[in-house]
Amino acid sequence: MKHNIEYTHKNIKLAPISPNDIEQLRHWRNEAVTKFLSKIDYITKEKQATWYQKDLENEDCYSFAIHETEELKDIIGSVALYHFNGKCAELGRIFIGNVHAGGKGYGYIAIALSLKIAFNEFDLDEVIAYVHEENIAALTNNKKAGFRVIGRDEKNELKIRITKEEYLAMREKI
């Protein structure tokens, strides 16, 4: 969905994905070597432009570019809130593509900022996500942000959830 929501914590900023971001996101997605991302065909510039336009028109998805603002001063990945269903939405599509940004806790900050948006901007009661059980970094970051495992989905991924009450009860929030 086209939006103007921006949240920042220290050197990490979530902002709407811009036309200037989509080529870098395309490059990372095409070059990603990870078993945890959905398998897709090679993304051409045309396919990426079509995806971006559809994403802007999708009223059920708020996509964000993750920017590092001090050292790299550039986009480092993306994250989205989507599948809104009443007072619940899904958090996912998180990807840190910049190799210089890996292992620095930026994924956790992006998750925490996304939860802040979910509970403050959209007044949701809960946020869910799905994580492959072998994706230790994602599980660690989500648990640190307050998510807890509640089951498995049809692809045998862990279904995790955080409620607004759990979020508000956390001592360290962004």
Protein backbone atom coordinates (compact mmCIF):
# COMPACT_ATOMS: atom_id res chain seq x y z
CA MET A 1 0.00 0.00 0.00
CA LYS A 2 1.20 3.47 -0.70
CA HIS A 3 1.85 5.05 2.68
CA ASN A 4 4.10 7.56 4.44
CA ILE A 5 4.76 5.76 7.74
CA GLU A 6 8.33 6.10 9.01
CA TYR A 7 9.76 4.93 12.33
CA THR A 8 13.36 5.26 13.50
CA HIS A 9 15.40 3.84 16.35
CA LYS A 10 19.04 4.86 16.64
CA ASN A 11 20.57 4.19 13.21
CA ILE A 12 17.73 2.09 11.75
CA LYS A 13 14.80 3.63 9.91
CA LEU A 14 11.76 1.93 8.42
CA ALA A 15 10.28 3.92 5.55
CA PRO A 16 8.08 3.16 2.56
CA ILE A 17 9.89 1.33 -0.21
CA SER A 18 10.70 3.92 -2.86
CA PRO A 19 11.35 3.52 -6.59
CA ASN A 20 15.03 4.11 -5.77
CA ASP A 21 15.04 1.01 -3.51
CA ILE A 22 13.54 -1.58 -5.81
CA GLU A 23 16.62 -2.30 -7.94
CA GLN A 24 18.74 -3.06 -4.87
CA LEU A 25 15.99 -5.26 -3.41
CA ARG A 26 15.75 -7.08 -6.76
CA HIS A 27 19.50 -7.67 -6.82
CA TRP A 28 19.54 -9.06 -3.26
CA ARG A 29 16.54 -11.29 -3.89
CA ASN A 30 18.07 -12.70 -7.06
CA GLU A 31 21.45 -13.28 -5.42
CA ALA A 32 20.19 -14.53 -2.05
CA VAL A 33 21.61 -17.86 -1.06
CA THR A 34 19.27 -18.96 1.69
CA LYS A 35 17.00 -21.91 2.13
CA PHE A 36 14.60 -19.85 4.21
CA LEU A 37 13.26 -17.61 1.43
CA SER A 38 10.50 -18.76 -0.89
CA LYS A 39 11.91 -20.10 -4.13
CA ILE A 40 11.09 -17.80 -7.03
CA ASP A 41 12.24 -17.40 -10.61
CA TYR A 42 14.82 -14.78 -11.55
CA ILE A 43 13.34 -11.30 -11.13
CA THR A 44 13.79 -9.03 -14.15
CA LYS A 45 13.63 -5.24 -13.89
CA GLU A 46 10.21 -5.41 -15.51
CA LYS A 47 8.93 -8.00 -13.04
CA GLN A 48 10.25 -5.90 -10.16
CA ALA A 49 8.55 -2.76 -11.50
CA THR A 50 5.27 -4.69 -11.84
CA TRP A 51 5.63 -6.09 -8.30
CA TYR A 52 6.31 -2.61 -6.92
CA GLN A 53 3.23 -1.12 -8.60
CA LYS A 54 1.03 -3.97 -7.33
CA ASP A 55 2.52 -3.57 -3.84
CA LEU A 56 1.62 0.13 -3.84
CA GLU A 57 -1.96 -0.74 -4.81
CA ASN A 58 -2.32 -3.62 -2.32
CA GLU A 59 -4.45 -2.29 0.54
CA ASP A 60 -3.57 -5.36 2.63
CA CYS A 61 0.20 -4.82 2.75
CA TYR A 62 2.48 -2.15 4.19
CA SER A 63 6.01 -2.72 2.90
CA PHE A 64 9.02 -0.97 4.38
CA ALA A 65 12.61 -0.47 3.35
CA ILE A 66 15.06 -0.90 6.21
CA HIS A 67 17.69 1.84 6.14
CA GLU A 68 20.91 2.11 8.14
CA THR A 69 21.44 5.85 8.59
CA GLU A 70 24.89 6.32 10.16
CA GLU A 71 27.56 3.94 8.84
CA LEU A 72 26.18 2.50 5.58
CA LYS A 73 23.69 5.32 4.96
CA ASP A 74 21.68 3.13 2.62
CA ILE A 75 18.92 0.57 2.34
CA ILE A 76 19.90 -2.74 3.96
CA GLY A 77 16.71 -4.78 3.54
CA SER A 78 12.94 -4.83 3.80
CA VAL A 79 10.04 -5.95 6.00
CA ALA A 80 6.25 -5.92 5.70
CA LEU A 81 3.01 -6.03 7.66
CA TYR A 82 0.27 -7.77 5.66
CA HIS A 83 -2.72 -10.14 5.71
CA PHE A 84 -4.69 -7.81 7.97
CA ASN A 85 -7.63 -9.66 9.48
CA GLY A 86 -9.61 -7.54 11.92
CA LYS A 87 -7.22 -6.66 14.76
CA CYS A 88 -4.48 -9.07 13.60
CA ALA A 89 -1.81 -8.89 10.91
CA GLU A 90 1.19 -10.89 9.79
CA LEU A 91 4.78 -9.68 10.05
CA GLY A 92 7.20 -11.07 7.52
CA ARG A 93 9.04 -10.73 4.26
CA ILE A 94 11.95 -9.54 6.38
CA PHE A 95 15.26 -9.61 4.61
CA ILE A 96 18.62 -8.07 5.43
CA GLY A 97 20.38 -8.16 2.08
CA ASN A 98 23.36 -5.90 2.65
CA VAL A 99 26.24 -8.19 3.66
CA HIS A 100 27.80 -5.38 5.73
CA ALA A 101 24.62 -5.16 7.82
CA GLY A 102 24.40 -8.81 8.81
CA GLY A 103 24.94 -9.89 12.40
CA LYS A 104 24.56 -6.39 13.85
CA GLY A 105 21.07 -6.73 15.32
CA TYR A 106 19.40 -4.69 12.60
CA GLY A 107 16.87 -7.45 11.90
CA TYR A 108 15.75 -7.34 15.54
CA ILE A 109 15.38 -3.56 15.42
CA ALA A 110 13.35 -3.84 12.21
CA ILE A 111 11.05 -6.38 13.87
CA ALA A 112 10.68 -4.21 16.98
CA LEU A 113 9.92 -1.11 14.88
CA SER A 114 7.39 -3.12 12.86
CA LEU A 115 5.64 -4.12 16.08
CA LYS A 116 5.59 -0.50 17.20
CA ILE A 117 3.90 0.39 13.92
CA ALA A 118 1.46 -2.52 14.22
CA PHE A 119 0.36 -1.66 17.74
CA ASN A 120 0.62 2.15 17.58
CA GLU A 121 -0.40 3.02 14.01
CA PHE A 122 -2.89 0.21 13.38
CA ASP A 123 -4.01 -0.48 16.97
CA LEU A 124 -3.78 -4.22 16.38
CA ASP A 125 -4.42 -6.75 19.15
CA GLU A 126 -1.92 -9.30 17.85
CA VAL A 127 0.75 -9.91 15.24
CA ILE A 128 1.66 -13.33 13.89
CA ALA A 129 4.61 -14.57 11.86
CA TYR A 130 5.88 -17.82 10.40
CA VAL A 131 9.51 -18.86 10.80
CA HIS A 132 11.40 -21.94 9.65
CA GLU A 133 12.61 -23.70 12.79
CA GLU A 134 16.17 -23.90 11.43
CA ASN A 135 16.30 -20.14 10.86
CA ILE A 136 17.99 -19.50 14.19
CA ALA A 137 18.64 -15.79 13.56
CA ALA A 138 14.98 -15.13 12.77
CA LEU A 139 13.75 -17.16 15.74
CA THR A 140 16.18 -15.43 18.08
CA ASN A 141 15.21 -11.96 16.87
CA ASN A 142 11.48 -12.69 17.03
CA LYS A 143 11.67 -14.20 20.51
CA LYS A 144 13.76 -11.25 21.70
CA ALA A 145 11.01 -8.97 20.35
CA GLY A 146 8.42 -10.88 22.41
CA PHE A 147 7.01 -13.46 20.01
CA ARG A 148 6.23 -16.93 21.31
CA VAL A 149 5.65 -20.16 19.42
CA ILE A 150 1.98 -21.17 19.23
CA GLY A 151 2.04 -23.96 16.63
CA ARG A 152 2.99 -24.94 13.10
CA ASP A 153 1.53 -24.18 9.70
CA GLU A 154 0.88 -26.48 6.73
CA LYS A 155 4.52 -26.02 5.54
CA ASN A 156 5.70 -27.14 8.98
CA GLU A 157 7.00 -23.67 9.82
CA LEU A 158 6.65 -22.38 13.36
CA LYS A 159 3.70 -20.07 13.87
CA ILE A 160 4.62 -17.35 16.34
CA ARG A 161 2.56 -14.58 17.92
CA ILE A 162 2.76 -11.53 20.12
CA THR A 163 -0.25 -9.78 21.57
CA LYS A 164 -0.54 -6.10 22.28
CA GLU A 165 -0.63 -6.86 26.01
CA GLU A 166 2.61 -8.87 25.73
CA TYR A 167 4.18 -6.08 23.73
CA LEU A 168 3.19 -3.43 26.26
CA ALA A 169 4.44 -5.57 29.16
CA MET A 170 7.95 -5.81 27.74
CA ARG A 171 10.50 -3.83 29.72
CA GLU A 172 12.70 -2.94 26.75
CA LYS A 173 10.67 -1.66 23.86
CA ILE A 174 11.73 0.49 21.00
